[in-house]
Amino acid sequence: MEDINDIRLGSTIPFTDQELQKLTALEIIKAENQKMRIFLSCRICGINRISCVLQCGHLTCWNCADPLVCCLVCDTPITNKYCIYLHPPYSMEN
C-alpha cells in the first residue's frame, strides 16, 4: 500500500497499487494544483493570496494582516508585518 498526498495539506490517504493505476496524470496534476492554491491562500480569510508575513512567521493577505494586533493563529503580539511578493504564475504561453 502506498500513500499519496490528499488535497488537504498535511493529510494522506492510503491507496492500493491498483487504485494508484486508476489515477491519471491529469488527476494527479489537478490535485497538486489544488494543494498549491490552498497553500498560497490567506490563513485567515482563505480567499486572498498571501502577501504578508507576520513576525511570528504566519502568512496572511494584507487585508487581514492590516488590522491585527495579535496573530490569530498563535496569539503572538504583532509589532511588525512584512510585505512579501510571490512571482505570479506563469501563463500557458511561457
C-alpha atoms as a PDB file:
ATOM      1  CA  MET A   1       0.000   0.000   0.000  1.00  0.00           C
ATOM      2  CA  GLU A   2       1.322   3.472  -0.880  1.00  0.00           C
ATOM      3  CA  ASP A   3       0.455   6.950   0.431  1.00  0.00           C
ATOM      4  CA  ILE A   4      -0.347   9.867  -1.808  1.00  0.00           C
ATOM      5  CA  ASN A   5      -0.983  13.397  -0.543  1.00  0.00           C
ATOM      6  CA  ASP A   6      -4.611  14.383  -0.337  1.00  0.00           C
ATOM      7  CA  ILE A   7      -5.819  17.822  -1.466  1.00  0.00           C
ATOM      8  CA  ARG A   8      -5.835  18.945   2.174  1.00  0.00           C
ATOM      9  CA  LEU A   9      -2.355  19.910   3.329  1.00  0.00           C
ATOM     10  CA  GLY A  10      -0.637  17.525   5.657  1.00  0.00           C
ATOM     11  CA  SER A  11      -3.023  14.632   5.253  1.00  0.00           C
ATOM     12  CA  THR A  12      -2.531  11.400   3.395  1.00  0.00           C
ATOM     13  CA  ILE A  13      -4.922   8.843   2.034  1.00  0.00           C
ATOM     14  CA  PRO A  14      -3.688   5.272   1.588  1.00  0.00           C
ATOM     15  CA  PHE A  15      -4.067   3.918  -1.938  1.00  0.00           C
ATOM     16  CA  THR A  16      -3.512   0.376  -3.118  1.00  0.00           C
ATOM     17  CA  ASP A  17      -1.335  -0.164  -6.183  1.00  0.00           C
ATOM     18  CA  GLN A  18      -4.448  -0.920  -8.208  1.00  0.00           C
ATOM     19  CA  GLU A  19      -6.118   2.348  -7.140  1.00  0.00           C
ATOM     20  CA  LEU A  20      -2.976   4.341  -7.980  1.00  0.00           C
ATOM     21  CA  GLN A  21      -3.008   2.953 -11.508  1.00  0.00           C
ATOM     22  CA  LYS A  22      -6.538   4.311 -11.957  1.00  0.00           C
ATOM     23  CA  LEU A  23      -5.397   7.854 -11.264  1.00  0.00           C
ATOM     24  CA  THR A  24      -4.483   9.611 -14.445  1.00  0.00           C
ATOM     25  CA  ALA A  25      -1.628  12.068 -14.703  1.00  0.00           C
ATOM     26  CA  LEU A  26      -4.190  14.839 -15.142  1.00  0.00           C
ATOM     27  CA  GLU A  27      -5.939  13.956 -11.884  1.00  0.00           C
ATOM     28  CA  ILE A  28      -2.613  13.996 -10.041  1.00  0.00           C
ATOM     29  CA  ILE A  29      -1.733  17.398 -11.539  1.00  0.00           C
ATOM     30  CA  LYS A  30      -5.176  18.760 -10.621  1.00  0.00           C
ATOM     31  CA  ALA A  31      -4.739  17.583  -7.024  1.00  0.00           C
ATOM     32  CA  GLU A  32      -1.286  19.173  -6.806  1.00  0.00           C
ATOM     33  CA  ASN A  33      -2.662  22.398  -8.294  1.00  0.00           C
ATOM     34  CA  GLN A  34      -5.460  22.492  -5.723  1.00  0.00           C
ATOM     35  CA  LYS A  35      -2.984  21.829  -2.918  1.00  0.00           C
ATOM     36  CA  MET A  36      -0.826  24.739  -4.105  1.00  0.00           C
ATOM     37  CA  ARG A  37      -3.850  27.064  -4.294  1.00  0.00           C
ATOM     38  CA  ILE A  38      -4.704  26.189  -0.696  1.00  0.00           C
ATOM     39  CA  PHE A  39      -1.088  26.731   0.384  1.00  0.00           C
ATOM     40  CA  LEU A  40      -0.956  30.167  -1.271  1.00  0.00           C
ATOM     41  CA  SER A  41      -4.268  31.381   0.159  1.00  0.00           C
ATOM     42  CA  CYS A  42      -4.580  33.539   3.265  1.00  0.00           C
ATOM     43  CA  ARG A  43      -4.731  31.564   6.510  1.00  0.00           C
ATOM     44  CA  ILE A  44      -7.398  33.901   7.898  1.00  0.00           C
ATOM     45  CA  CYS A  45      -9.903  34.652   5.128  1.00  0.00           C
ATOM     46  CA  GLY A  46      -8.967  31.733   2.874  1.00  0.00           C
ATOM     47  CA  ILE A  47      -9.827  33.810  -0.197  1.00  0.00           C
ATOM     48  CA  ASN A  48      -6.999  36.221  -0.980  1.00  0.00           C
ATOM     49  CA  ARG A  49      -3.477  35.206  -1.935  1.00  0.00           C
ATOM     50  CA  ILE A  50      -0.874  35.525   0.824  1.00  0.00           C
ATOM     51  CA  SER A  51       1.022  38.803   0.669  1.00  0.00           C
ATOM     52  CA  CYS A  52       2.168  39.392   4.243  1.00  0.00           C
ATOM     53  CA  VAL A  53       4.257  37.513   6.769  1.00  0.00           C
ATOM     54  CA  LEU A  54       3.849  38.333  10.432  1.00  0.00           C
ATOM     55  CA  GLN A  55       6.856  38.409  12.763  1.00  0.00           C
ATOM     56  CA  CYS A  56       5.760  35.022  14.157  1.00  0.00           C
ATOM     57  CA  GLY A  57       6.070  33.567  10.633  1.00  0.00           C
ATOM     58  CA  HIS A  58       2.391  33.035   9.863  1.00  0.00           C
ATOM     59  CA  LEU A  59       1.198  34.101   6.421  1.00  0.00           C
ATOM     60  CA  THR A  60      -1.873  36.189   5.592  1.00  0.00           C
ATOM     61  CA  CYS A  61      -3.141  38.571   2.966  1.00  0.00           C
ATOM     62  CA  TRP A  62      -2.527  42.250   3.615  1.00  0.00           C
ATOM     63  CA  ASN A  63      -6.250  42.949   4.089  1.00  0.00           C
ATOM     64  CA  CYS A  64      -6.399  40.543   7.024  1.00  0.00           C
ATOM     65  CA  ALA A  65      -2.981  41.491   8.445  1.00  0.00           C
ATOM     66  CA  ASP A  66      -3.547  45.250   8.471  1.00  0.00           C
ATOM     67  CA  PRO A  67      -5.904  45.440  11.483  1.00  0.00           C
ATOM     68  CA  LEU A  68      -4.188  42.689  13.531  1.00  0.00           C
ATOM     69  CA  VAL A  69      -2.566  43.421  16.871  1.00  0.00           C
ATOM     70  CA  CYS A  70      -2.151  39.707  17.735  1.00  0.00           C
ATOM     71  CA  CYS A  71      -1.689  36.744  15.413  1.00  0.00           C
ATOM     72  CA  LEU A  72      -4.953  34.844  15.136  1.00  0.00           C
ATOM     73  CA  VAL A  73      -3.067  31.555  14.804  1.00  0.00           C
ATOM     74  CA  CYS A  74      -0.588  31.700  17.714  1.00  0.00           C
ATOM     75  CA  ASP A  75      -1.704  34.825  19.649  1.00  0.00           C
ATOM     76  CA  THR A  76       1.727  36.474  19.370  1.00  0.00           C
ATOM     77  CA  PRO A  77       1.568  40.300  19.681  1.00  0.00           C
ATOM     78  CA  ILE A  78       2.227  41.863  16.275  1.00  0.00           C
ATOM     79  CA  THR A  79       4.727  44.700  16.110  1.00  0.00           C
ATOM     80  CA  ASN A  80       5.970  44.119  12.555  1.00  0.00           C
ATOM     81  CA  LYS A  81       4.311  42.996   9.323  1.00  0.00           C
ATOM     82  CA  TYR A  82       6.345  42.286   6.215  1.00  0.00           C
ATOM     83  CA  CYS A  83       5.029  42.504   2.695  1.00  0.00           C
ATOM     84  CA  ILE A  84       6.064  39.557   0.531  1.00  0.00           C
ATOM     85  CA  TYR A  85       5.984  39.289  -3.229  1.00  0.00           C
ATOM     86  CA  LEU A  86       5.317  35.984  -4.878  1.00  0.00           C
ATOM     87  CA  HIS A  87       6.066  35.608  -8.538  1.00  0.00           C
ATOM     88  CA  PRO A  88       2.800  35.444 -10.469  1.00  0.00           C
ATOM     89  CA  PRO A  89       2.009  32.086 -12.041  1.00  0.00           C
ATOM     90  CA  TYR A  90       3.409  31.549 -15.488  1.00  0.00           C
ATOM     91  CA  SER A  91       0.994  31.840 -18.363  1.00  0.00           C
ATOM     92  CA  MET A  92       0.320  28.983 -20.754  1.00  0.00           C
ATOM     93  CA  GLU A  93       2.388  30.719 -23.459  1.00  0.00           C
ATOM     94  CA  ASN A  94       5.641  30.567 -21.431  1.00  0.00           C
END
